[in-house]
């Protein structure tokens, strides 16, 4: 029974790496979260019977096998990329103006005092 408990512990740790809701469908992600949680509860229960541990192990294996990647929508990402490019083109003159104004103010602050000191 200790061997089964150790295998369940290793599988639980390995399955926890898959817990990324951005990569997997909601249903498969939820099933994995529930299976990992159940396995952790069974591991924490020192009085858990072999049949219960085996059930947690089987449930976790099924949840891992059932993981489904999300489908990406290329059109949506292309549209988003196009919007970003449009925003960059619109913002570029403002960015340059802000950099020039900031440079001018910084230049006056750094070098303006030296001229006043030299005149005195």
PDB file of N, CA and C in Angstrom:
ATOM      1  N   UNK A   1       0.820  -1.190   0.000  1.00  0.00           N
ATOM      2  CA  UNK A   1       0.000   0.000   0.000  1.00  0.00           C
ATOM      3  C   UNK A   1       0.865   1.256   0.000  1.00  0.00           C
ATOM      4  N   UNK A   2       2.029   1.206   0.615  1.00  0.00           N
ATOM      5  CA  UNK A   2       2.938   2.352   0.596  1.00  0.00           C
ATOM      6  C   UNK A   2       3.421   2.649  -0.818  1.00  0.00           C
ATOM      7  N   UNK A   3       3.603   1.594  -1.613  1.00  0.00           N
ATOM      8  CA  UNK A   3       4.031   1.775  -2.996  1.00  0.00           C
ATOM      9  C   UNK A   3       2.953   2.507  -3.798  1.00  0.00           C
ATOM     10  N   UNK A   4       1.692   2.144  -3.577  1.00  0.00           N
ATOM     11  CA  UNK A   4       0.573   2.808  -4.250  1.00  0.00           C
ATOM     12  C   UNK A   4       0.485   4.266  -3.815  1.00  0.00           C
ATOM     13  N   UNK A   5       0.677   4.503  -2.545  1.00  0.00           N
ATOM     14  CA  UNK A   5       0.645   5.878  -2.017  1.00  0.00           C
ATOM     15  C   UNK A   5       1.761   6.721  -2.650  1.00  0.00           C
ATOM     16  N   UNK A   6       2.949   6.136  -2.792  1.00  0.00           N
ATOM     17  CA  UNK A   6       4.080   6.851  -3.398  1.00  0.00           C
ATOM     18  C   UNK A   6       3.812   7.136  -4.879  1.00  0.00           C
ATOM     19  N   UNK A   7       3.249   6.157  -5.600  1.00  0.00           N
ATOM     20  CA  UNK A   7       2.917   6.363  -7.013  1.00  0.00           C
ATOM     21  C   UNK A   7       1.871   7.466  -7.169  1.00  0.00           C
ATOM     22  N   UNK A   8       0.883   7.482  -6.287  1.00  0.00           N
ATOM     23  CA  UNK A   8      -0.151   8.514  -6.322  1.00  0.00           C
ATOM     24  C   UNK A   8       0.453   9.885  -6.044  1.00  0.00           C
ATOM     25  N   UNK A   9       1.383   9.938  -5.095  1.00  0.00           N
ATOM     26  CA  UNK A   9       2.054  11.202  -4.768  1.00  0.00           C
ATOM     27  C   UNK A   9       2.848  11.722  -5.971  1.00  0.00           C
ATOM     28  N   UNK A  10       3.572  10.843  -6.644  1.00  0.00           N
ATOM     29  CA  UNK A  10       4.359  11.237  -7.819  1.00  0.00           C
ATOM     30  C   UNK A  10       3.455  11.694  -8.962  1.00  0.00           C
ATOM     31  N   UNK A  11       2.372  10.966  -9.187  1.00  0.00           N
ATOM     32  CA  UNK A  11       1.445  11.332 -10.253  1.00  0.00           C
ATOM     33  C   UNK A  11       0.756  12.665  -9.946  1.00  0.00           C
ATOM     34  N   UNK A  12       0.426  12.896  -8.691  1.00  0.00           N
ATOM     35  CA  UNK A  12      -0.201  14.154  -8.284  1.00  0.00           C
ATOM     36  C   UNK A  12       0.742  15.320  -8.536  1.00  0.00           C
ATOM     37  N   UNK A  13       2.005  15.154  -8.177  1.00  0.00           N
ATOM     38  CA  UNK A  13       2.993  16.209  -8.412  1.00  0.00           C
ATOM     39  C   UNK A  13       3.177  16.466  -9.905  1.00  0.00           C
ATOM     40  N   UNK A  14       3.225  15.405 -10.690  1.00  0.00           N
ATOM     41  CA  UNK A  14       3.400  15.548 -12.138  1.00  0.00           C
ATOM     42  C   UNK A  14       2.172  16.197 -12.775  1.00  0.00           C
ATOM     43  N   UNK A  15       0.984  15.827 -12.321  1.00  0.00           N
ATOM     44  CA  UNK A  15      -0.249  16.378 -12.887  1.00  0.00           C
ATOM     45  C   UNK A  15      -0.418  17.849 -12.525  1.00  0.00           C
ATOM     46  N   UNK A  16       0.111  18.246 -11.382  1.00  0.00           N
ATOM     47  CA  UNK A  16       0.005  19.646 -10.961  1.00  0.00           C
ATOM     48  C   UNK A  16       0.733  20.570 -11.933  1.00  0.00           C
ATOM     49  N   UNK A  17       1.718  20.051 -12.651  1.00  0.00           N
ATOM     50  CA  UNK A  17       2.439  20.850 -13.642  1.00  0.00           C
ATOM     51  C   UNK A  17       1.515  21.234 -14.794  1.00  0.00           C
ATOM     52  N   UNK A  18       0.517  20.414 -15.074  1.00  0.00           N
ATOM     53  CA  UNK A  18      -0.409  20.667 -16.175  1.00  0.00           C
ATOM     54  C   UNK A  18      -1.470  21.709 -15.840  1.00  0.00           C
ATOM     55  N   UNK A  19      -1.515  22.152 -14.611  1.00  0.00           N
ATOM     56  CA  UNK A  19      -2.569  23.074 -14.195  1.00  0.00           C
ATOM     57  C   UNK A  19      -2.339  24.477 -14.747  1.00  0.00           C
ATOM     58  N   UNK A  20      -2.744  24.671 -15.991  1.00  0.00           N
ATOM     59  CA  UNK A  20      -2.669  25.977 -16.641  1.00  0.00           C
ATOM     60  C   UNK A  20      -3.961  26.181 -17.420  1.00  0.00           C
ATOM     61  N   UNK A  21      -4.857  27.001 -16.888  1.00  0.00           N
ATOM     62  CA  UNK A  21      -6.176  27.163 -17.496  1.00  0.00           C
ATOM     63  C   UNK A  21      -6.139  27.889 -18.836  1.00  0.00           C
ATOM     64  N   UNK A  22      -5.012  28.506 -19.185  1.00  0.00           N
ATOM     65  CA  UNK A  22      -4.910  29.186 -20.479  1.00  0.00           C
ATOM     66  C   UNK A  22      -4.669  28.204 -21.617  1.00  0.00           C
ATOM     67  N   UNK A  23      -4.165  27.018 -21.311  1.00  0.00           N
ATOM     68  CA  UNK A  23      -3.815  26.057 -22.348  1.00  0.00           C
ATOM     69  C   UNK A  23      -4.907  25.038 -22.639  1.00  0.00           C
ATOM     70  N   UNK A  24      -5.731  24.731 -21.645  1.00  0.00           N
ATOM     71  CA  UNK A  24      -6.670  23.626 -21.772  1.00  0.00           C
ATOM     72  C   UNK A  24      -8.117  24.117 -21.724  1.00  0.00           C
ATOM     73  N   UNK A  25      -9.025  23.304 -22.267  1.00  0.00           N
ATOM     74  CA  UNK A  25     -10.438  23.654 -22.232  1.00  0.00           C
ATOM     75  C   UNK A  25     -10.907  23.676 -20.785  1.00  0.00           C
ATOM     76  N   UNK A  26     -11.986  24.400 -20.564  1.00  0.00           N
ATOM     77  CA  UNK A  26     -12.499  24.571 -19.205  1.00  0.00           C
ATOM     78  C   UNK A  26     -12.860  23.230 -18.571  1.00  0.00           C
ATOM     79  N   UNK A  27     -13.559  22.400 -19.319  1.00  0.00           N
ATOM     80  CA  UNK A  27     -14.014  21.116 -18.774  1.00  0.00           C
ATOM     81  C   UNK A  27     -12.847  20.205 -18.398  1.00  0.00           C
ATOM     82  N   UNK A  28     -11.859  20.096 -19.283  1.00  0.00           N
ATOM     83  CA  UNK A  28     -10.733  19.209 -18.981  1.00  0.00           C
ATOM     84  C   UNK A  28      -9.881  19.777 -17.847  1.00  0.00           C
ATOM     85  N   UNK A  29      -9.741  21.086 -17.807  1.00  0.00           N
ATOM     86  CA  UNK A  29      -8.993  21.727 -16.718  1.00  0.00           C
ATOM     87  C   UNK A  29      -9.697  21.498 -15.382  1.00  0.00           C
ATOM     88  N   UNK A  30     -11.012  21.675 -15.375  1.00  0.00           N
ATOM     89  CA  UNK A  30     -11.783  21.484 -14.141  1.00  0.00           C
ATOM     90  C   UNK A  30     -11.680  20.044 -13.652  1.00  0.00           C
ATOM     91  N   UNK A  31     -11.753  19.095 -14.575  1.00  0.00           N
ATOM     92  CA  UNK A  31     -11.652  17.679 -14.192  1.00  0.00           C
ATOM     93  C   UNK A  31     -10.287  17.382 -13.571  1.00  0.00           C
ATOM     94  N   UNK A  32      -9.241  17.963 -14.131  1.00  0.00           N
ATOM     95  CA  UNK A  32      -7.903  17.742 -13.582  1.00  0.00           C
ATOM     96  C   UNK A  32      -7.759  18.373 -12.202  1.00  0.00           C
ATOM     97  N   UNK A  33      -8.285  19.577 -12.036  1.00  0.00           N
ATOM     98  CA  UNK A  33      -8.211  20.246 -10.728  1.00  0.00           C
ATOM     99  C   UNK A  33      -8.915  19.404  -9.671  1.00  0.00           C
ATOM    100  N   UNK A  34     -10.078  18.886 -10.008  1.00  0.00           N
ATOM    101  CA  UNK A  34     -10.824  18.062  -9.050  1.00  0.00           C
ATOM    102  C   UNK A  34     -10.074  16.773  -8.731  1.00  0.00           C
ATOM    103  N   UNK A  35      -9.495  16.159  -9.753  1.00  0.00           N
ATOM    104  CA  UNK A  35      -8.767  14.903  -9.530  1.00  0.00           C
ATOM    105  C   UNK A  35      -7.521  15.125  -8.683  1.00  0.00           C
ATOM    106  N   UNK A  36      -6.805  16.213  -8.939  1.00  0.00           N
ATOM    107  CA  UNK A  36      -5.608  16.526  -8.147  1.00  0.00           C
ATOM    108  C   UNK A  36      -6.002  16.820  -6.701  1.00  0.00           C
ATOM    109  N   UNK A  37      -7.058  17.582  -6.519  1.00  0.00           N
ATOM    110  CA  UNK A  37      -7.512  17.904  -5.161  1.00  0.00           C
ATOM    111  C   UNK A  37      -7.925  16.640  -4.404  1.00  0.00           C
ATOM    112  N   UNK A  38      -8.667  15.774  -5.074  1.00  0.00           N
ATOM    113  CA  UNK A  38      -9.097  14.527  -4.428  1.00  0.00           C
ATOM    114  C   UNK A  38      -7.891  13.661  -4.061  1.00  0.00           C
ATOM    115  N   UNK A  39      -6.927  13.580  -4.973  1.00  0.00           N
ATOM    116  CA  UNK A  39      -5.727  12.782  -4.701  1.00  0.00           C
ATOM    117  C   UNK A  39      -4.951  13.342  -3.515  1.00  0.00           C
ATOM    118  N   UNK A  40      -4.858  14.663  -3.421  1.00  0.00           N
ATOM    119  CA  UNK A  40      -4.140  15.270  -2.298  1.00  0.00           C
ATOM    120  C   UNK A  40      -4.852  15.001  -0.973  1.00  0.00           C
ATOM    121  N   UNK A  41      -6.174  15.031  -1.006  1.00  0.00           N
ATOM    122  CA  UNK A  41      -6.939  14.740   0.210  1.00  0.00           C
ATOM    123  C   UNK A  41      -6.723  13.292   0.630  1.00  0.00           C
ATOM    124  N   UNK A  42      -6.725  12.395  -0.321  1.00  0.00           N
ATOM    125  CA  UNK A  42      -6.518  10.975  -0.005  1.00  0.00           C
ATOM    126  C   UNK A  42      -5.105  10.725   0.501  1.00  0.00           C
ATOM    127  N   UNK A  43      -4.135  11.437  -0.053  1.00  0.00           N
ATOM    128  CA  UNK A  43      -2.756  11.282   0.428  1.00  0.00           C
ATOM    129  C   UNK A  43      -2.606  11.804   1.855  1.00  0.00           C
ATOM    130  N   UNK A  44      -3.329  12.863   2.172  1.00  0.00           N
ATOM    131  CA  UNK A  44      -3.254  13.429   3.514  1.00  0.00           C
ATOM    132  C   UNK A  44      -3.952  12.540   4.542  1.00  0.00           C
ATOM    133  N   UNK A  45      -4.910  11.740   4.079  1.00  0.00           N
ATOM    134  CA  UNK A  45      -5.649  10.854   4.972  1.00  0.00           C
ATOM    135  C   UNK A  45      -4.843   9.571   5.182  1.00  0.00           C
ATOM    136  N   UNK A  46      -4.211   9.457   6.314  1.00  0.00           N
ATOM    137  CA  UNK A  46      -3.383   8.280   6.617  1.00  0.00           C
ATOM    138  C   UNK A  46      -4.220   7.005   6.740  1.00  0.00           C
ATOM    139  N   UNK A  47      -5.510   7.159   7.040  1.00  0.00           N
ATOM    140  CA  UNK A  47      -6.381   5.999   7.222  1.00  0.00           C
ATOM    141  C   UNK A  47      -7.072   5.578   5.923  1.00  0.00           C
ATOM    142  N   UNK A  48      -6.727   6.196   4.797  1.00  0.00           N
ATOM    143  CA  UNK A  48      -7.371   5.867   3.522  1.00  0.00           C
ATOM    144  C   UNK A  48      -7.060   4.425   3.140  1.00  0.00           C
ATOM    145  N   UNK A  49      -8.081   3.735   2.687  1.00  0.00           N
ATOM    146  CA  UNK A  49      -7.927   2.333   2.300  1.00  0.00           C
ATOM    147  C   UNK A  49      -7.301   2.244   0.916  1.00  0.00           C
ATOM    148  N   UNK A  50      -6.793   1.064   0.602  1.00  0.00           N
ATOM    149  CA  UNK A  50      -6.138   0.835  -0.677  1.00  0.00           C
ATOM    150  C   UNK A  50      -7.092   1.081  -1.842  1.00  0.00           C
ATOM    151  N   UNK A  51      -8.337   0.665  -1.690  1.00  0.00           N
ATOM    152  CA  UNK A  51      -9.327   0.845  -2.748  1.00  0.00           C
ATOM    153  C   UNK A  51      -9.566   2.333  -3.027  1.00  0.00           C
ATOM    154  N   UNK A  52      -9.602   3.141  -1.986  1.00  0.00           N
ATOM    155  CA  UNK A  52      -9.802   4.580  -2.132  1.00  0.00           C
ATOM    156  C   UNK A  52      -8.604   5.219  -2.827  1.00  0.00           C
ATOM    157  N   UNK A  53      -7.402   4.816  -2.426  1.00  0.00           N
ATOM    158  CA  UNK A  53      -6.192   5.342  -3.071  1.00  0.00           C
ATOM    159  C   UNK A  53      -6.144   4.936  -4.537  1.00  0.00           C
ATOM    160  N   UNK A  54      -6.519   3.707  -4.819  1.00  0.00           N
ATOM    161  CA  UNK A  54      -6.527   3.223  -6.203  1.00  0.00           C
ATOM    162  C   UNK A  54      -7.548   4.006  -7.038  1.00  0.00           C
ATOM    163  N   UNK A  55      -8.687   4.327  -6.443  1.00  0.00           N
ATOM    164  CA  UNK A  55      -9.705   5.131  -7.130  1.00  0.00           C
ATOM    165  C   UNK A  55      -9.196   6.531  -7.438  1.00  0.00           C
ATOM    166  N   UNK A  56      -8.476   7.128  -6.493  1.00  0.00           N
ATOM    167  CA  UNK A  56      -7.898   8.452  -6.713  1.00  0.00           C
ATOM    168  C   UNK A  56      -6.852   8.398  -7.817  1.00  0.00           C
ATOM    169  N   UNK A  57      -6.058   7.335  -7.816  1.00  0.00           N
ATOM    170  CA  UNK A  57      -5.025   7.151  -8.843  1.00  0.00           C
ATOM    171  C   UNK A  57      -5.660   7.000 -10.226  1.00  0.00           C
ATOM    172  N   UNK A  58      -6.690   6.175 -10.319  1.00  0.00           N
ATOM    173  CA  UNK A  58      -7.375   5.953 -11.592  1.00  0.00           C
ATOM    174  C   UNK A  58      -8.045   7.234 -12.079  1.00  0.00           C
ATOM    175  N   UNK A  59      -8.694   7.958 -11.175  1.00  0.00           N
ATOM    176  CA  UNK A  59      -9.344   9.220 -11.537  1.00  0.00           C
ATOM    177  C   UNK A  59      -8.355  10.252 -12.040  1.00  0.00           C
ATOM    178  N   UNK A  60      -7.198  10.277 -11.424  1.00  0.00           N
ATOM    179  CA  UNK A  60      -6.165  11.219 -11.836  1.00  0.00           C
ATOM    180  C   UNK A  60      -5.601  10.847 -13.208  1.00  0.00           C
ATOM    181  N   UNK A  61      -5.396   9.555 -13.436  1.00  0.00           N
ATOM    182  CA  UNK A  61      -4.923   9.101 -14.756  1.00  0.00           C
ATOM    183  C   UNK A  61      -5.932   9.465 -15.846  1.00  0.00           C
ATOM    184  N   UNK A  62      -7.209   9.247 -15.569  1.00  0.00           N
ATOM    185  CA  UNK A  62      -8.251   9.570 -16.542  1.00  0.00           C
ATOM    186  C   UNK A  62      -8.322  11.070 -16.817  1.00  0.00           C
ATOM    187  N   UNK A  63      -8.153  11.877 -15.779  1.00  0.00           N
ATOM    188  CA  UNK A  63      -8.188  13.330 -15.960  1.00  0.00           C
ATOM    189  C   UNK A  63      -7.008  13.807 -16.802  1.00  0.00           C
ATOM    190  N   UNK A  64      -5.836  13.235 -16.566  1.00  0.00           N
ATOM    191  CA  UNK A  64      -4.654  13.608 -17.351  1.00  0.00           C
ATOM    192  C   UNK A  64      -4.835  13.187 -18.803  1.00  0.00           C
ATOM    193  N   UNK A  65      -5.332  11.979 -19.004  1.00  0.00           N
ATOM    194  CA  UNK A  65      -5.570  11.492 -20.368  1.00  0.00           C
ATOM    195  C   UNK A  65      -6.632  12.315 -21.082  1.00  0.00           C
ATOM    196  N   UNK A  66      -7.564  12.889 -20.343  1.00  0.00           N
ATOM    197  CA  UNK A  66      -8.651  13.648 -20.939  1.00  0.00           C
ATOM    198  C   UNK A  66      -8.356  15.118 -21.179  1.00  0.00           C
ATOM    199  N   UNK A  67      -7.132  15.546 -20.923  1.00  0.00           N
ATOM    200  CA  UNK A  67      -6.796  16.955 -21.127  1.00  0.00           C
ATOM    201  C   UNK A  67      -6.887  17.308 -22.609  1.00  0.00           C
ATOM    202  N   UNK A  68      -7.602  18.405 -22.904  1.00  0.00           N
ATOM    203  CA  UNK A  68      -7.778  18.867 -24.275  1.00  0.00           C
ATOM    204  C   UNK A  68      -7.240  20.284 -24.393  1.00  0.00           C
ATOM    205  N   UNK A  69      -6.392  20.499 -25.376  1.00  0.00           N
ATOM    206  CA  UNK A  69      -5.863  21.834 -25.612  1.00  0.00           C
ATOM    207  C   UNK A  69      -6.948  22.738 -26.166  1.00  0.00           C
ATOM    208  N   UNK A  70      -6.878  23.996 -25.818  1.00  0.00           N
ATOM    209  CA  UNK A  70      -7.815  24.975 -26.375  1.00  0.00           C
ATOM    210  C   UNK A  70      -7.517  25.166 -27.848  1.00  0.00           C
ATOM    211  N   UNK A  71      -8.557  25.443 -28.595  1.00  0.00           N
ATOM    212  CA  UNK A  71      -8.367  25.770 -30.001  1.00  0.00           C
ATOM    213  C   UNK A  71      -8.075  27.256 -30.100  1.00  0.00           C
ATOM    214  N   UNK A  72      -7.075  27.586 -30.859  1.00  0.00           N
ATOM    215  CA  UNK A  72      -6.760  28.998 -31.053  1.00  0.00           C
ATOM    216  C   UNK A  72      -7.476  29.474 -32.308  1.00  0.00           C
ATOM    217  N   UNK A  73      -7.879  30.705 -32.294  1.00  0.00           N
ATOM    218  CA  UNK A  73      -8.559  31.298 -33.434  1.00  0.00           C
ATOM    219  C   UNK A  73      -7.579  32.219 -34.144  1.00  0.00           C
ATOM    220  N   UNK A  74      -7.016  31.782 -35.291  1.00  0.00           N
ATOM    221  CA  UNK A  74      -6.023  32.590 -35.980  1.00  0.00           C
ATOM    222  C   UNK A  74      -6.563  33.940 -36.420  1.00  0.00           C
ATOM    223  N   UNK A  75      -7.841  34.008 -36.786  1.00  0.00           N
ATOM    224  CA  UNK A  75      -8.399  35.276 -37.238  1.00  0.00           C
ATOM    225  C   UNK A  75      -8.435  36.273 -36.096  1.00  0.00           C
ATOM    226  N   UNK A  76      -8.819  35.817 -34.918  1.00  0.00           N
ATOM    227  CA  UNK A  76      -8.884  36.719 -33.771  1.00  0.00           C
ATOM    228  C   UNK A  76      -7.499  37.241 -33.429  1.00  0.00           C
ATOM    229  N   UNK A  77      -6.489  36.381 -33.485  1.00  0.00           N
ATOM    230  CA  UNK A  77      -5.144  36.842 -33.152  1.00  0.00           C
ATOM    231  C   UNK A  77      -4.607  37.773 -34.239  1.00  0.00           C
ATOM    232  N   UNK A  78      -4.963  37.529 -35.493  1.00  0.00           N
ATOM    233  CA  UNK A  78      -4.547  38.420 -36.579  1.00  0.00           C
ATOM    234  C   UNK A  78      -5.228  39.777 -36.440  1.00  0.00           C
ATOM    235  N   UNK A  79      -6.496  39.775 -36.048  1.00  0.00           N
ATOM    236  CA  UNK A  79      -7.203  41.031 -35.839  1.00  0.00           C
ATOM    237  C   UNK A  79      -6.570  41.812 -34.692  1.00  0.00           C
ATOM    238  N   UNK A  80      -6.258  41.120 -33.621  1.00  0.00           N
ATOM    239  CA  UNK A  80      -5.628  41.775 -32.473  1.00  0.00           C
ATOM    240  C   UNK A  80      -4.261  42.330 -32.863  1.00  0.00           C
ATOM    241  N   UNK A  81      -3.517  41.571 -33.670  1.00  0.00           N
ATOM    242  CA  UNK A  81      -2.202  42.030 -34.111  1.00  0.00           C
ATOM    243  C   UNK A  81      -2.349  43.282 -34.977  1.00  0.00           C
ATOM    244  N   UNK A  82      -3.353  43.286 -35.843  1.00  0.00           N
ATOM    245  CA  UNK A  82      -3.604  44.453 -36.692  1.00  0.00           C
ATOM    246  C   UNK A  82      -3.973  45.677 -35.879  1.00  0.00           C
ATOM    247  N   UNK A  83      -4.783  45.487 -34.839  1.00  0.00           N
ATOM    248  CA  UNK A  83      -5.158  46.602 -33.969  1.00  0.00           C
ATOM    249  C   UNK A  83      -3.942  47.158 -33.250  1.00  0.00           C
ATOM    250  N   UNK A  84      -3.068  46.263 -32.773  1.00  0.00           N
ATOM    251  CA  UNK A  84      -1.857  46.722 -32.081  1.00  0.00           C
ATOM    252  C   UNK A  84      -0.972  47.533 -33.010  1.00  0.00           C
ATOM    253  N   UNK A  85      -0.830  47.060 -34.252  1.00  0.00           N
ATOM    254  CA  UNK A  85       0.003  47.782 -35.218  1.00  0.00           C
ATOM    255  C   UNK A  85      -0.587  49.158 -35.505  1.00  0.00           C
ATOM    256  N   UNK A  86      -1.919  49.228 -35.626  1.00  0.00           N
ATOM    257  CA  UNK A  86      -2.583  50.508 -35.862  1.00  0.00           C
ATOM    258  C   UNK A  86      -2.376  51.461 -34.704  1.00  0.00           C
ATOM    259  N   UNK A  87      -2.468  50.950 -33.488  1.00  0.00           N
ATOM    260  CA  UNK A  87      -2.244  51.785 -32.314  1.00  0.00           C
ATOM    261  C   UNK A  87      -0.799  52.273 -32.245  1.00  0.00           C
ATOM    262  N   UNK A  88       0.138  51.414 -32.618  1.00  0.00           N
ATOM    263  CA  UNK A  88       1.545  51.823 -32.620  1.00  0.00           C
ATOM    264  C   UNK A  88       1.775  52.963 -33.589  1.00  0.00           C
ATOM    265  N   UNK A  89       1.176  52.857 -34.793  1.00  0.00           N
ATOM    266  CA  UNK A  89       1.342  53.912 -35.794  1.00  0.00           C
ATOM    267  C   UNK A  89       0.734  55.223 -35.324  1.00  0.00           C
ATOM    268  N   UNK A  90      -0.417  55.142 -34.646  1.00  0.00           N
ATOM    269  CA  UNK A  90      -1.056  56.359 -34.148  1.00  0.00           C
ATOM    270  C   UNK A  90      -0.287  56.960 -32.978  1.00  0.00           C
ATOM    271  N   UNK A  91       0.284  56.139 -32.147  1.00  0.00           N
ATOM    272  CA  UNK A  91       0.966  56.614 -30.941  1.00  0.00           C
ATOM    273  C   UNK A  91       2.390  57.083 -31.209  1.00  0.00           C
ATOM    274  N   UNK A  92       2.978  56.674 -32.331  1.00  0.00           N
ATOM    275  CA  UNK A  92       4.389  56.977 -32.595  1.00  0.00           C
ATOM    276  C   UNK A  92       4.693  58.484 -32.582  1.00  0.00           C
ATOM    277  N   UNK A  93       3.905  59.346 -33.248  1.00  0.00           N
ATOM    278  CA  UNK A  93       4.222  60.784 -33.186  1.00  0.00           C
ATOM    279  C   UNK A  93       4.160  61.342 -31.771  1.00  0.00           C
ATOM    280  N   UNK A  94       3.190  60.860 -30.981  1.00  0.00           N
ATOM    281  CA  UNK A  94       3.082  61.326 -29.599  1.00  0.00           C
ATOM    282  C   UNK A  94       4.271  60.857 -28.776  1.00  0.00           C
ATOM    283  N   UNK A  95       4.716  59.675 -29.040  1.00  0.00           N
ATOM    284  CA  UNK A  95       5.868  59.123 -28.340  1.00  0.00           C
ATOM    285  C   UNK A  95       7.124  59.943 -28.657  1.00  0.00           C
ATOM    286  N   UNK A  96       7.299  60.245 -29.936  1.00  0.00           N
ATOM    287  CA  UNK A  96       8.450  61.058 -30.328  1.00  0.00           C
ATOM    288  C   UNK A  96       8.365  62.461 -29.735  1.00  0.00           C
ATOM    289  N   UNK A  97       7.172  63.054 -29.766  1.00  0.00           N
ATOM    290  CA  UNK A  97       6.994  64.389 -29.185  1.00  0.00           C
ATOM    291  C   UNK A  97       7.280  64.391 -27.700  1.00  0.00           C
ATOM    292  N   UNK A  98       6.793  63.363 -27.004  1.00  0.00           N
ATOM    293  CA  UNK A  98       7.050  63.259 -25.562  1.00  0.00           C
ATOM    294  C   UNK A  98       8.523  63.085 -25.271  1.00  0.00           C
ATOM    295  N   UNK A  99       9.211  62.283 -26.097  1.00  0.00           N
ATOM    296  CA  UNK A  99      10.640  62.088 -25.899  1.00  0.00           C
ATOM    297  C   UNK A  99      11.399  63.389 -26.147  1.00  0.00           C
ATOM    298  N   UNK A 100      11.001  64.129 -27.181  1.00  0.00           N
ATOM    299  CA  UNK A 100      11.670  65.400 -27.482  1.00  0.00           C
ATOM    300  C   UNK A 100      11.437  66.407 -26.368  1.00  0.00           C
ATOM    301  N   UNK A 101      10.196  66.517 -25.909  1.00  0.00           N
ATOM    302  CA  UNK A 101       9.877  67.449 -24.832  1.00  0.00           C
ATOM    303  C   UNK A 101      10.609  67.065 -23.548  1.00  0.00           C
ATOM    304  N   UNK A 102      10.614  65.779 -23.241  1.00  0.00           N
ATOM    305  CA  UNK A 102      11.334  65.317 -22.048  1.00  0.00           C
ATOM    306  C   UNK A 102      12.818  65.602 -22.157  1.00  0.00           C
ATOM    307  N   UNK A 103      13.382  65.383 -23.346  1.00  0.00           N
ATOM    308  CA  UNK A 103      14.799  65.676 -23.561  1.00  0.00           C
ATOM    309  C   UNK A 103      15.099  67.153 -23.419  1.00  0.00           C
ATOM    310  N   UNK A 104      14.204  67.988 -23.940  1.00  0.00           N
ATOM    311  CA  UNK A 104      14.382  69.438 -23.842  1.00  0.00           C
ATOM    312  C   UNK A 104      14.349  69.888 -22.386  1.00  0.00           C
ATOM    313  N   UNK A 105      13.355  69.417 -21.640  1.00  0.00           N
ATOM    314  CA  UNK A 105      13.251  69.793 -20.230  1.00  0.00           C
ATOM    315  C   UNK A 105      14.433  69.282 -19.416  1.00  0.00           C
ATOM    316  N   UNK A 106      14.840  68.075 -19.696  1.00  0.00           N
ATOM    317  CA  UNK A 106      15.983  67.510 -18.994  1.00  0.00           C
ATOM    318  C   UNK A 106      17.253  68.265 -19.356  1.00  0.00           C
ATOM    319  N   UNK A 107      17.389  68.609 -20.623  1.00  0.00           N
ATOM    320  CA  UNK A 107      18.563  69.371 -21.058  1.00  0.00           C
ATOM    321  C   UNK A 107      18.627  70.729 -20.400  1.00  0.00           C
ATOM    322  N   UNK A 108      17.493  71.406 -20.321  1.00  0.00           N
ATOM    323  CA  UNK A 108      17.466  72.716 -19.662  1.00  0.00           C
ATOM    324  C   UNK A 108      17.831  72.581 -18.191  1.00  0.00           C
ATOM    325  N   UNK A 109      17.319  71.524 -17.575  1.00  0.00           N
ATOM    326  CA  UNK A 109      17.580  71.342 -16.154  1.00  0.00           C
ATOM    327  C   UNK A 109      19.059  71.034 -15.912  1.00  0.00           C
ATOM    328  N   UNK A 110      19.629  70.203 -16.759  1.00  0.00           N
ATOM    329  CA  UNK A 110      21.019  69.817 -16.557  1.00  0.00           C
ATOM    330  C   UNK A 110      22.003  70.889 -17.006  1.00  0.00           C
ATOM    331  N   UNK A 111      21.737  71.481 -18.151  1.00  0.00           N
ATOM    332  CA  UNK A 111      22.722  72.378 -18.738  1.00  0.00           C
ATOM    333  C   UNK A 111      22.368  73.847 -18.599  1.00  0.00           C
ATOM    334  N   UNK A 112      21.134  74.146 -18.228  1.00  0.00           N
ATOM    335  CA  UNK A 112      20.720  75.541 -18.082  1.00  0.00           C
ATOM    336  C   UNK A 112      21.406  76.220 -16.920  1.00  0.00           C
ATOM    337  N   UNK A 113      21.643  75.539 -15.866  1.00  0.00           N
ATOM    338  CA  UNK A 113      22.270  76.128 -14.685  1.00  0.00           C
ATOM    339  C   UNK A 113      23.732  76.461 -14.933  1.00  0.00           C
ATOM    340  N   UNK A 114      24.404  75.678 -15.757  1.00  0.00           N
ATOM    341  CA  UNK A 114      25.816  75.929 -16.013  1.00  0.00           C
ATOM    342  C   UNK A 114      26.019  77.270 -16.699  1.00  0.00           C
ATOM    343  N   UNK A 115      25.138  77.621 -17.598  1.00  0.00           N
ATOM    344  CA  UNK A 115      25.256  78.896 -18.299  1.00  0.00           C
ATOM    345  C   UNK A 115      25.057  80.043 -17.342  1.00  0.00           C
ATOM    346  N   UNK A 116      24.092  79.914 -16.406  1.00  0.00           N
ATOM    347  CA  UNK A 116      23.843  80.965 -15.421  1.00  0.00           C
ATOM    348  C   UNK A 116      25.059  81.119 -14.511  1.00  0.00           C
ATOM    349  N   UNK A 117      25.651  80.032 -14.123  1.00  0.00           N
ATOM    350  CA  UNK A 117      26.827  80.090 -13.251  1.00  0.00           C
ATOM    351  C   UNK A 117      27.996  80.724 -13.974  1.00  0.00           C
ATOM    352  N   UNK A 118      28.165  80.471 -15.255  1.00  0.00           N
ATOM    353  CA  UNK A 118      29.272  81.029 -16.014  1.00  0.00           C
ATOM    354  C   UNK A 118      29.087  82.530 -16.206  1.00  0.00           C
ATOM    355  N   UNK A 119      27.818  83.000 -16.368  1.00  0.00           N
ATOM    356  CA  UNK A 119      27.549  84.423 -16.577  1.00  0.00           C
ATOM    357  C   UNK A 119      27.868  85.232 -15.333  1.00  0.00           C
ATOM    358  N   UNK A 120      27.655  84.664 -14.180  1.00  0.00           N
ATOM    359  CA  UNK A 120      27.886  85.382 -12.916  1.00  0.00           C
ATOM    360  C   UNK A 120      29.340  85.506 -12.701  1.00  0.00           C
TER     361      UNK A 120
END
